[in-house]
Amino acid sequence: LFRRILDEKRRYVYPLVAAVVLNAALFAAI
């Protein structure tokens, strides 16, 4: 189920994951 949601909603999930990683990097760095 998780894999299927990831494949179908890829255009929403990747930017969301990128935003979380960027947010964590900004928190750690700044």
Full PDB file with SEQRES, HELIX, SHEET, SSBOND, CRYST1, ORIGX, SCALE, CONECT and MASTER records, all heavy atoms in Angstrom:
SEQRES   1 A   30  LEU PHE ARG ARG ILE LEU ASP GLU LYS ARG ARG TYR VAL          
SEQRES   2 A   30  TYR PRO LEU VAL ALA ALA VAL VAL LEU ASN ALA ALA LEU          
SEQRES   3 A   30  PHE ALA ALA ILE                                              
HELIX    1 AA1 PHE A    2  GLU A    8  1                                   7    
HELIX    2 AA2 ARG A   10  ALA A   29  1                                  20    
CRYST1    1.000    1.000    1.000  90.00  90.00  90.00 P 1           1          
ORIGX1      1.000000  0.000000  0.000000        0.00000                         
ORIGX2      0.000000  1.000000  0.000000        0.00000                         
ORIGX3      0.000000  0.000000  1.000000        0.00000                         
SCALE1      1.000000  0.000000  0.000000        0.00000                         
SCALE2      0.000000  1.000000  0.000000        0.00000                         
SCALE3      0.000000  0.000000  1.000000        0.00000                         
ATOM      1  N   LEU A   1       0.834  -1.204   0.000  1.00  0.00           N  
ATOM      2  CA  LEU A   1       0.000   0.000   0.000  1.00  0.00           C  
ATOM      3  C   LEU A   1       0.870   1.257   0.000  1.00  0.00           C  
ATOM      4  O   LEU A   1       0.590   2.207  -0.730  1.00  0.00           O  
ATOM      5  CB  LEU A   1      -0.934  -0.040   1.214  1.00  0.00           C  
ATOM      6  CG  LEU A   1      -1.885   1.138   1.353  1.00  0.00           C  
ATOM      7  CD1 LEU A   1      -2.855   1.171   0.172  1.00  0.00           C  
ATOM      8  CD2 LEU A   1      -2.620   1.080   2.650  1.00  0.00           C  
ATOM      9  N   PHE A   2       1.884   1.263   0.780  1.00  0.00           N  
ATOM     10  CA  PHE A   2       2.769   2.429   0.882  1.00  0.00           C  
ATOM     11  C   PHE A   2       3.455   2.685  -0.458  1.00  0.00           C  
ATOM     12  O   PHE A   2       3.557   3.825  -0.896  1.00  0.00           O  
ATOM     13  CB  PHE A   2       3.787   2.195   2.000  1.00  0.00           C  
ATOM     14  CG  PHE A   2       4.749   3.332   2.170  1.00  0.00           C  
ATOM     15  CD1 PHE A   2       4.335   4.545   2.688  1.00  0.00           C  
ATOM     16  CD2 PHE A   2       6.072   3.197   1.773  1.00  0.00           C  
ATOM     17  CE1 PHE A   2       5.229   5.589   2.825  1.00  0.00           C  
ATOM     18  CE2 PHE A   2       6.959   4.233   1.915  1.00  0.00           C  
ATOM     19  CZ  PHE A   2       6.532   5.440   2.451  1.00  0.00           C  
ATOM     20  N   ARG A   3       3.910   1.636  -1.090  1.00  0.00           N  
ATOM     21  CA  ARG A   3       4.588   1.755  -2.372  1.00  0.00           C  
ATOM     22  C   ARG A   3       3.619   2.272  -3.425  1.00  0.00           C  
ATOM     23  O   ARG A   3       3.994   3.093  -4.274  1.00  0.00           O  
ATOM     24  CB  ARG A   3       5.104   0.384  -2.751  1.00  0.00           C  
ATOM     25  CG  ARG A   3       6.006   0.408  -3.888  1.00  0.00           C  
ATOM     26  CD  ARG A   3       7.327   0.757  -3.309  1.00  0.00           C  
ATOM     27  NE  ARG A   3       8.390   0.256  -4.145  1.00  0.00           N  
ATOM     28  CZ  ARG A   3       9.464   0.927  -4.360  1.00  0.00           C  
ATOM     29  NH1 ARG A   3       9.602   2.098  -3.830  1.00  0.00           N  
ATOM     30  NH2 ARG A   3      10.428   0.435  -5.057  1.00  0.00           N  
ATOM     31  N   ARG A   4       2.424   1.813  -3.372  1.00  0.00           N  
ATOM     32  CA  ARG A   4       1.422   2.220  -4.352  1.00  0.00           C  
ATOM     33  C   ARG A   4       1.079   3.693  -4.184  1.00  0.00           C  
ATOM     34  O   ARG A   4       0.980   4.443  -5.172  1.00  0.00           O  
ATOM     35  CB  ARG A   4       0.174   1.361  -4.159  1.00  0.00           C  
ATOM     36  CG  ARG A   4      -0.831   1.625  -5.212  1.00  0.00           C  
ATOM     37  CD  ARG A   4      -1.950   0.619  -5.109  1.00  0.00           C  
ATOM     38  NE  ARG A   4      -3.127   1.278  -5.595  1.00  0.00           N  
ATOM     39  CZ  ARG A   4      -4.278   1.325  -5.033  1.00  0.00           C  
ATOM     40  NH1 ARG A   4      -4.480   0.700  -3.902  1.00  0.00           N  
ATOM     41  NH2 ARG A   4      -5.286   1.941  -5.555  1.00  0.00           N  
ATOM     42  N   ILE A   5       0.945   4.165  -2.957  1.00  0.00           N  
ATOM     43  CA  ILE A   5       0.642   5.578  -2.705  1.00  0.00           C  
ATOM     44  C   ILE A   5       1.815   6.418  -3.158  1.00  0.00           C  
ATOM     45  O   ILE A   5       1.632   7.474  -3.766  1.00  0.00           O  
ATOM     46  CB  ILE A   5       0.334   5.803  -1.211  1.00  0.00           C  
ATOM     47  CG1 ILE A   5      -0.967   5.110  -0.819  1.00  0.00           C  
ATOM     48  CG2 ILE A   5       0.258   7.278  -0.889  1.00  0.00           C  
ATOM     49  CD1 ILE A   5      -1.262   5.129   0.657  1.00  0.00           C  
ATOM     50  N   LEU A   6       2.998   5.946  -2.907  1.00  0.00           N  
ATOM     51  CA  LEU A   6       4.211   6.674  -3.294  1.00  0.00           C  
ATOM     52  C   LEU A   6       4.291   6.810  -4.812  1.00  0.00           C  
ATOM     53  O   LEU A   6       4.649   7.875  -5.320  1.00  0.00           O  
ATOM     54  CB  LEU A   6       5.426   5.930  -2.750  1.00  0.00           C  
ATOM     55  CG  LEU A   6       6.741   6.694  -2.720  1.00  0.00           C  
ATOM     56  CD1 LEU A   6       6.620   7.922  -1.820  1.00  0.00           C  
ATOM     57  CD2 LEU A   6       7.848   5.808  -2.228  1.00  0.00           C  
ATOM     58  N   ASP A   7       3.965   5.748  -5.531  1.00  0.00           N  
ATOM     59  CA  ASP A   7       3.996   5.809  -6.999  1.00  0.00           C  
ATOM     60  C   ASP A   7       2.899   6.713  -7.550  1.00  0.00           C  
ATOM     61  O   ASP A   7       3.146   7.490  -8.484  1.00  0.00           O  
ATOM     62  CB  ASP A   7       3.826   4.398  -7.601  1.00  0.00           C  
ATOM     63  CG  ASP A   7       5.103   3.593  -7.482  1.00  0.00           C  
ATOM     64  OD1 ASP A   7       6.166   4.226  -7.291  1.00  0.00           O  
ATOM     65  OD2 ASP A   7       5.029   2.346  -7.524  1.00  0.00           O  
ATOM     66  N   GLU A   8       1.719   6.652  -6.997  1.00  0.00           N  
ATOM     67  CA  GLU A   8       0.605   7.422  -7.537  1.00  0.00           C  
ATOM     68  C   GLU A   8       0.685   8.898  -7.159  1.00  0.00           C  
ATOM     69  O   GLU A   8       0.288   9.750  -7.947  1.00  0.00           O  
ATOM     70  CB  GLU A   8      -0.714   6.841  -7.034  1.00  0.00           C  
ATOM     71  CG  GLU A   8      -1.094   5.534  -7.651  1.00  0.00           C  
ATOM     72  CD  GLU A   8      -2.381   4.993  -7.081  1.00  0.00           C  
ATOM     73  OE1 GLU A   8      -3.074   5.734  -6.324  1.00  0.00           O  
ATOM     74  OE2 GLU A   8      -2.689   3.842  -7.359  1.00  0.00           O  
ATOM     75  N   LYS A   9       1.164   9.190  -6.013  1.00  0.00           N  
ATOM     76  CA  LYS A   9       1.204  10.586  -5.552  1.00  0.00           C  
ATOM     77  C   LYS A   9       2.633  11.118  -5.552  1.00  0.00           C  
ATOM     78  O   LYS A   9       2.980  11.976  -4.761  1.00  0.00           O  
ATOM     79  CB  LYS A   9       0.634  10.675  -4.132  1.00  0.00           C  
ATOM     80  CG  LYS A   9      -0.749  10.122  -3.973  1.00  0.00           C  
ATOM     81  CD  LYS A   9      -1.726  10.996  -4.680  1.00  0.00           C  
ATOM     82  CE  LYS A   9      -3.128  10.430  -4.423  1.00  0.00           C  
ATOM     83  NZ  LYS A   9      -4.140  11.117  -5.139  1.00  0.00           N  
ATOM     84  N   ARG A  10       3.468  10.652  -6.399  1.00  0.00           N  
ATOM     85  CA  ARG A  10       4.871  11.007  -6.454  1.00  0.00           C  
ATOM     86  C   ARG A  10       5.073  12.515  -6.592  1.00  0.00           C  
ATOM     87  O   ARG A  10       5.968  13.086  -5.983  1.00  0.00           O  
ATOM     88  CB  ARG A  10       5.505  10.286  -7.633  1.00  0.00           C  
ATOM     89  CG  ARG A  10       6.981  10.431  -7.692  1.00  0.00           C  
ATOM     90  CD  ARG A  10       7.581   9.767  -8.877  1.00  0.00           C  
ATOM     91  NE  ARG A  10       6.912   8.511  -9.156  1.00  0.00           N  
ATOM     92  CZ  ARG A  10       7.196   7.690 -10.118  1.00  0.00           C  
ATOM     93  NH1 ARG A  10       8.155   8.010 -10.931  1.00  0.00           N  
ATOM     94  NH2 ARG A  10       6.552   6.590 -10.324  1.00  0.00           N  
ATOM     95  N   ARG A  11       4.293  13.157  -7.410  1.00  0.00           N  
ATOM     96  CA  ARG A  11       4.487  14.582  -7.622  1.00  0.00           C  
ATOM     97  C   ARG A  11       4.163  15.395  -6.366  1.00  0.00           C  
ATOM     98  O   ARG A  11       4.596  16.526  -6.240  1.00  0.00           O  
ATOM     99  CB  ARG A  11       3.710  15.071  -8.821  1.00  0.00           C  
ATOM    100  CG  ARG A  11       2.291  14.942  -8.739  1.00  0.00           C  
ATOM    101  CD  ARG A  11       1.670  15.383 -10.040  1.00  0.00           C  
ATOM    102  NE  ARG A  11       0.371  14.778 -10.009  1.00  0.00           N  
ATOM    103  CZ  ARG A  11      -0.685  15.250 -10.553  1.00  0.00           C  
ATOM    104  NH1 ARG A  11      -0.599  16.334 -11.265  1.00  0.00           N  
ATOM    105  NH2 ARG A  11      -1.811  14.658 -10.434  1.00  0.00           N  
ATOM    106  N   TYR A  12       3.402  14.834  -5.428  1.00  0.00           N  
ATOM    107  CA  TYR A  12       3.143  15.522  -4.155  1.00  0.00           C  
ATOM    108  C   TYR A  12       4.121  15.083  -3.064  1.00  0.00           C  
ATOM    109  O   TYR A  12       4.522  15.882  -2.235  1.00  0.00           O  
ATOM    110  CB  TYR A  12       1.716  15.233  -3.654  1.00  0.00           C  
ATOM    111  CG  TYR A  12       0.646  15.709  -4.591  1.00  0.00           C  
ATOM    112  CD1 TYR A  12      -0.239  14.801  -5.162  1.00  0.00           C  
ATOM    113  CD2 TYR A  12       0.505  17.055  -4.882  1.00  0.00           C  
ATOM    114  CE1 TYR A  12      -1.216  15.222  -6.027  1.00  0.00           C  
ATOM    115  CE2 TYR A  12      -0.482  17.466  -5.761  1.00  0.00           C  
ATOM    116  CZ  TYR A  12      -1.335  16.559  -6.320  1.00  0.00           C  
ATOM    117  OH  TYR A  12      -2.309  16.971  -7.173  1.00  0.00           O  
ATOM    118  N   VAL A  13       4.498  13.847  -3.066  1.00  0.00           N  
ATOM    119  CA  VAL A  13       5.321  13.294  -1.993  1.00  0.00           C  
ATOM    120  C   VAL A  13       6.756  13.782  -2.095  1.00  0.00           C  
ATOM    121  O   VAL A  13       7.364  14.180  -1.090  1.00  0.00           O  
ATOM    122  CB  VAL A  13       5.244  11.745  -2.010  1.00  0.00           C  
ATOM    123  CG1 VAL A  13       6.263  11.141  -1.040  1.00  0.00           C  
ATOM    124  CG2 VAL A  13       3.856  11.282  -1.696  1.00  0.00           C  
ATOM    125  N   TYR A  14       7.353  13.768  -3.300  1.00  0.00           N  
ATOM    126  CA  TYR A  14       8.754  14.181  -3.424  1.00  0.00           C  
ATOM    127  C   TYR A  14       8.966  15.644  -3.012  1.00  0.00           C  
ATOM    128  O   TYR A  14       9.912  15.947  -2.273  1.00  0.00           O  
ATOM    129  CB  TYR A  14       9.269  13.915  -4.832  1.00  0.00           C  
ATOM    130  CG  TYR A  14       9.527  12.449  -5.108  1.00  0.00           C  
ATOM    131  CD1 TYR A  14       9.217  11.891  -6.356  1.00  0.00           C  
ATOM    132  CD2 TYR A  14      10.067  11.622  -4.138  1.00  0.00           C  
ATOM    133  CE1 TYR A  14       9.447  10.551  -6.615  1.00  0.00           C  
ATOM    134  CE2 TYR A  14      10.284  10.270  -4.398  1.00  0.00           C  
ATOM    135  CZ  TYR A  14       9.980   9.745  -5.618  1.00  0.00           C  
ATOM    136  OH  TYR A  14      10.199   8.425  -5.875  1.00  0.00           O  
ATOM    137  N   PRO A  15       8.161  16.554  -3.466  1.00  0.00           N  
ATOM    138  CA  PRO A  15       8.361  17.924  -2.981  1.00  0.00           C  
ATOM    139  C   PRO A  15       8.147  18.046  -1.465  1.00  0.00           C  
ATOM    140  O   PRO A  15       8.842  18.813  -0.788  1.00  0.00           O  
ATOM    141  CB  PRO A  15       7.310  18.748  -3.724  1.00  0.00           C  
ATOM    142  CG  PRO A  15       6.935  17.953  -4.901  1.00  0.00           C  
ATOM    143  CD  PRO A  15       7.162  16.516  -4.534  1.00  0.00           C  
ATOM    144  N   LEU A  16       7.205  17.247  -0.942  1.00  0.00           N  
ATOM    145  CA  LEU A  16       6.963  17.290   0.499  1.00  0.00           C  
ATOM    146  C   LEU A  16       8.169  16.735   1.262  1.00  0.00           C  
ATOM    147  O   LEU A  16       8.608  17.334   2.259  1.00  0.00           O  
ATOM    148  CB  LEU A  16       5.699  16.499   0.848  1.00  0.00           C  
ATOM    149  CG  LEU A  16       5.216  16.588   2.284  1.00  0.00           C  
ATOM    150  CD1 LEU A  16       4.906  18.023   2.662  1.00  0.00           C  
ATOM    151  CD2 LEU A  16       3.992  15.703   2.489  1.00  0.00           C  
ATOM    152  N   VAL A  17       8.740  15.641   0.807  1.00  0.00           N  
ATOM    153  CA  VAL A  17       9.932  15.068   1.438  1.00  0.00           C  
ATOM    154  C   VAL A  17      11.102  16.027   1.290  1.00  0.00           C  
ATOM    155  O   VAL A  17      11.883  16.249   2.238  1.00  0.00           O  
ATOM    156  CB  VAL A  17      10.251  13.668   0.827  1.00  0.00           C  
ATOM    157  CG1 VAL A  17      11.629  13.189   1.259  1.00  0.00           C  
ATOM    158  CG2 VAL A  17       9.187  12.680   1.196  1.00  0.00           C  
ATOM    159  N   ALA A  18      11.259  16.653   0.128  1.00  0.00           N  
ATOM    160  CA  ALA A  18      12.335  17.620  -0.097  1.00  0.00           C  
ATOM    161  C   ALA A  18      12.167  18.812   0.849  1.00  0.00           C  
ATOM    162  O   ALA A  18      13.148  19.326   1.410  1.00  0.00           O  
ATOM    163  CB  ALA A  18      12.346  18.064  -1.550  1.00  0.00           C  
ATOM    164  N   ALA A  19      10.936  19.257   1.041  1.00  0.00           N  
ATOM    165  CA  ALA A  19      10.689  20.380   1.947  1.00  0.00           C  
ATOM    166  C   ALA A  19      11.037  20.006   3.389  1.00  0.00           C  
ATOM    167  O   ALA A  19      11.621  20.807   4.135  1.00  0.00           O  
ATOM    168  CB  ALA A  19       9.234  20.823   1.847  1.00  0.00           C  
ATOM    169  N   VAL A  20      10.718  18.786   3.819  1.00  0.00           N  
ATOM    170  CA  VAL A  20      11.035  18.336   5.177  1.00  0.00           C  
ATOM    171  C   VAL A  20      12.545  18.242   5.354  1.00  0.00           C  
ATOM    172  O   VAL A  20      13.110  18.675   6.367  1.00  0.00           O  
ATOM    173  CB  VAL A  20      10.327  16.985   5.479  1.00  0.00           C  
ATOM    174  CG1 VAL A  20      10.872  16.360   6.740  1.00  0.00           C  
ATOM    175  CG2 VAL A  20       8.832  17.175   5.568  1.00  0.00           C  
ATOM    176  N   VAL A  21      13.248  17.681   4.366  1.00  0.00           N  
ATOM    177  CA  VAL A  21      14.712  17.570   4.442  1.00  0.00           C  
ATOM    178  C   VAL A  21      15.343  18.955   4.448  1.00  0.00           C  
ATOM    179  O   VAL A  21      16.261  19.240   5.232  1.00  0.00           O  
ATOM    180  CB  VAL A  21      15.252  16.694   3.281  1.00  0.00           C  
ATOM    181  CG1 VAL A  21      16.767  16.773   3.187  1.00  0.00           C  
ATOM    182  CG2 VAL A  21      14.786  15.267   3.447  1.00  0.00           C  
ATOM    183  N   LEU A  22      14.862  19.844   3.570  1.00  0.00           N  
ATOM    184  CA  LEU A  22      15.383  21.215   3.526  1.00  0.00           C  
ATOM    185  C   LEU A  22      15.107  21.935   4.853  1.00  0.00           C  
ATOM    186  O   LEU A  22      15.971  22.650   5.376  1.00  0.00           O  
ATOM    187  CB  LEU A  22      14.736  21.975   2.362  1.00  0.00           C  
ATOM    188  CG  LEU A  22      15.213  23.416   2.158  1.00  0.00           C  
ATOM    189  CD1 LEU A  22      16.702  23.431   1.806  1.00  0.00           C  
ATOM    190  CD2 LEU A  22      14.398  24.108   1.107  1.00  0.00           C  
ATOM    191  N   ASN A  23      13.932  21.729   5.419  1.00  0.00           N  
ATOM    192  CA  ASN A  23      13.577  22.334   6.693  1.00  0.00           C  
ATOM    193  C   ASN A  23      14.511  21.827   7.791  1.00  0.00           C  
ATOM    194  O   ASN A  23      14.990  22.608   8.625  1.00  0.00           O  
ATOM    195  CB  ASN A  23      12.114  22.008   7.012  1.00  0.00           C  
ATOM    196  CG  ASN A  23      11.564  22.895   8.103  1.00  0.00           C  
ATOM    197  OD1 ASN A  23      12.198  23.857   8.515  1.00  0.00           O  
ATOM    198  ND2 ASN A  23      10.374  22.569   8.587  1.00  0.00           N  
ATOM    199  N   ALA A  24      14.787  20.512   7.818  1.00  0.00           N  
ATOM    200  CA  ALA A  24      15.694  19.945   8.816  1.00  0.00           C  
ATOM    201  C   ALA A  24      17.108  20.479   8.631  1.00  0.00           C  
ATOM    202  O   ALA A  24      17.803  20.796   9.601  1.00  0.00           O  
ATOM    203  CB  ALA A  24      15.676  18.409   8.724  1.00  0.00           C  
ATOM    204  N   ALA A  25      17.540  20.600   7.368  1.00  0.00           N  
ATOM    205  CA  ALA A  25      18.888  21.132   7.093  1.00  0.00           C  
ATOM    206  C   ALA A  25      18.981  22.593   7.537  1.00  0.00           C  
ATOM    207  O   ALA A  25      19.984  23.019   8.144  1.00  0.00           O  
ATOM    208  CB  ALA A  25      19.222  20.982   5.616  1.00  0.00           C  
ATOM    209  N   LEU A  26      17.970  23.374   7.250  1.00  0.00           N  
ATOM    210  CA  LEU A  26      17.977  24.784   7.672  1.00  0.00           C  
ATOM    211  C   LEU A  26      17.946  24.893   9.201  1.00  0.00           C  
ATOM    212  O   LEU A  26      18.617  25.756   9.782  1.00  0.00           O  
ATOM    213  CB  LEU A  26      16.775  25.525   7.072  1.00  0.00           C  
ATOM    214  CG  LEU A  26      16.871  25.868   5.590  1.00  0.00           C  
ATOM    215  CD1 LEU A  26      15.549  26.485   5.115  1.00  0.00           C  
ATOM    216  CD2 LEU A  26      18.008  26.814   5.310  1.00  0.00           C  
ATOM    217  N   PHE A  27      17.182  24.039   9.853  1.00  0.00           N  
ATOM    218  CA  PHE A  27      17.148  24.047  11.318  1.00  0.00           C  
ATOM    219  C   PHE A  27      18.529  23.724  11.877  1.00  0.00           C  
ATOM    220  O   PHE A  27      19.017  24.410  12.782  1.00  0.00           O  
ATOM    221  CB  PHE A  27      16.110  23.046  11.840  1.00  0.00           C  
ATOM    222  CG  PHE A  27      16.059  22.987  13.330  1.00  0.00           C  
ATOM    223  CD1 PHE A  27      15.413  23.972  14.060  1.00  0.00           C  
ATOM    224  CD2 PHE A  27      16.686  21.954  14.026  1.00  0.00           C  
ATOM    225  CE1 PHE A  27      15.379  23.940  15.440  1.00  0.00           C  
ATOM    226  CE2 PHE A  27      16.666  21.916  15.407  1.00  0.00           C  
ATOM    227  CZ  PHE A  27      16.004  22.902  16.121  1.00  0.00           C  
ATOM    228  N   ALA A  28      19.172  22.660  11.337  1.00  0.00           N  
ATOM    229  CA  ALA A  28      20.480  22.241  11.834  1.00  0.00           C  
ATOM    230  C   ALA A  28      21.555  23.267  11.509  1.00  0.00           C  
ATOM    231  O   ALA A  28      22.472  23.498  12.302  1.00  0.00           O  
ATOM    232  CB  ALA A  28      20.850  20.872  11.259  1.00  0.00           C  
ATOM    233  N   ALA A  29      21.467  23.911  10.335  1.00  0.00           N  
ATOM    234  CA  ALA A  29      22.535  24.821   9.912  1.00  0.00           C  
ATOM    235  C   ALA A  29      22.334  26.253  10.416  1.00  0.00           C  
ATOM    236  O   ALA A  29      23.309  26.950  10.689  1.00  0.00           O  
ATOM    237  CB  ALA A  29      22.626  24.819   8.385  1.00  0.00           C  
ATOM    238  N   ILE A  30      21.108  26.703  10.568  1.00  0.00           N  
ATOM    239  CA  ILE A  30      20.900  28.120  10.873  1.00  0.00           C  
ATOM    240  C   ILE A  30      20.159  28.328  12.198  1.00  0.00           C  
ATOM    241  O   ILE A  30      20.626  29.064  13.077  1.00  0.00           O  
ATOM    242  CB  ILE A  30      20.129  28.802   9.722  1.00  0.00           C  
ATOM    243  CG1 ILE A  30      20.966  28.757   8.446  1.00  0.00           C  
ATOM    244  CG2 ILE A  30      19.779  30.234  10.079  1.00  0.00           C  
ATOM    245  CD1 ILE A  30      20.236  29.244   7.219  1.00  0.00           C  
TER     246      ILE A  30                                                      
MASTER        0    0    0    2    0    0    0    6  245    1    0    3          
END                                                                             
